[in-house]
């Protein structure tokens, strides 16, 4: 049986490449609640400029 919990975030980052990682880290350092969505199980994406 699964239990689902609703959470609220200030920012949701799609992709954990260089830009996503930098943005997520900065936002978290300012006290924001951040969620990161990445398709790779290794939590490493590509680079998007």
Protein backbone atom coordinates (compact mmCIF):
# COMPACT_ATOMS: atom_id res chain seq x y z
CA UNK A 1 0.00 0.00 0.00
CA UNK A 2 1.34 3.42 -0.94
CA UNK A 3 0.83 6.57 1.06
CA UNK A 4 1.03 9.81 -0.87
CA UNK A 5 2.03 13.05 0.83
CA UNK A 6 1.42 16.47 -0.72
CA UNK A 7 4.35 18.84 -0.34
CA UNK A 8 4.72 22.49 -1.26
CA UNK A 9 7.88 23.90 -2.84
CA UNK A 10 9.03 27.41 -3.65
CA UNK A 11 10.98 26.16 -6.68
CA UNK A 12 10.98 23.00 -8.78
CA UNK A 13 14.10 22.48 -10.90
CA UNK A 14 13.79 20.21 -13.94
CA UNK A 15 17.16 18.60 -14.66
CA UNK A 16 20.25 18.35 -12.50
CA UNK A 17 22.89 19.46 -14.99
CA UNK A 18 25.27 22.33 -14.31
CA UNK A 19 22.58 25.03 -14.46
CA UNK A 20 19.99 23.06 -12.49
CA UNK A 21 22.47 22.14 -9.78
CA UNK A 22 23.65 25.76 -9.44
CA UNK A 23 20.11 27.13 -9.29
CA UNK A 24 18.92 24.54 -6.77
CA UNK A 25 21.91 25.12 -4.50
CA UNK A 26 21.51 28.90 -4.60
CA UNK A 27 17.76 28.80 -3.97
CA UNK A 28 18.20 26.39 -1.05
CA UNK A 29 20.90 28.63 0.45
CA UNK A 30 18.37 31.50 0.53
CA UNK A 31 15.95 29.38 2.55
CA UNK A 32 13.65 28.29 -0.27
CA UNK A 33 12.18 24.80 -0.35
CA UNK A 34 13.51 23.21 -3.55
CA UNK A 35 12.59 20.01 -5.40
CA UNK A 36 14.78 18.62 -8.19
CA UNK A 37 13.43 16.33 -10.91
CA UNK A 38 16.02 14.32 -12.84
CA UNK A 39 15.42 11.27 -15.03
CA UNK A 40 18.85 9.73 -14.40
CA UNK A 41 19.10 7.59 -11.24
CA UNK A 42 22.66 8.92 -10.84
CA UNK A 43 21.31 12.48 -10.31
CA UNK A 44 23.49 13.93 -13.02
CA UNK A 45 22.13 15.65 -16.10
CA UNK A 46 23.63 17.33 -19.13
CA UNK A 47 24.41 21.00 -19.61
CA UNK A 48 21.85 23.44 -20.97
CA UNK A 49 22.96 26.96 -21.81
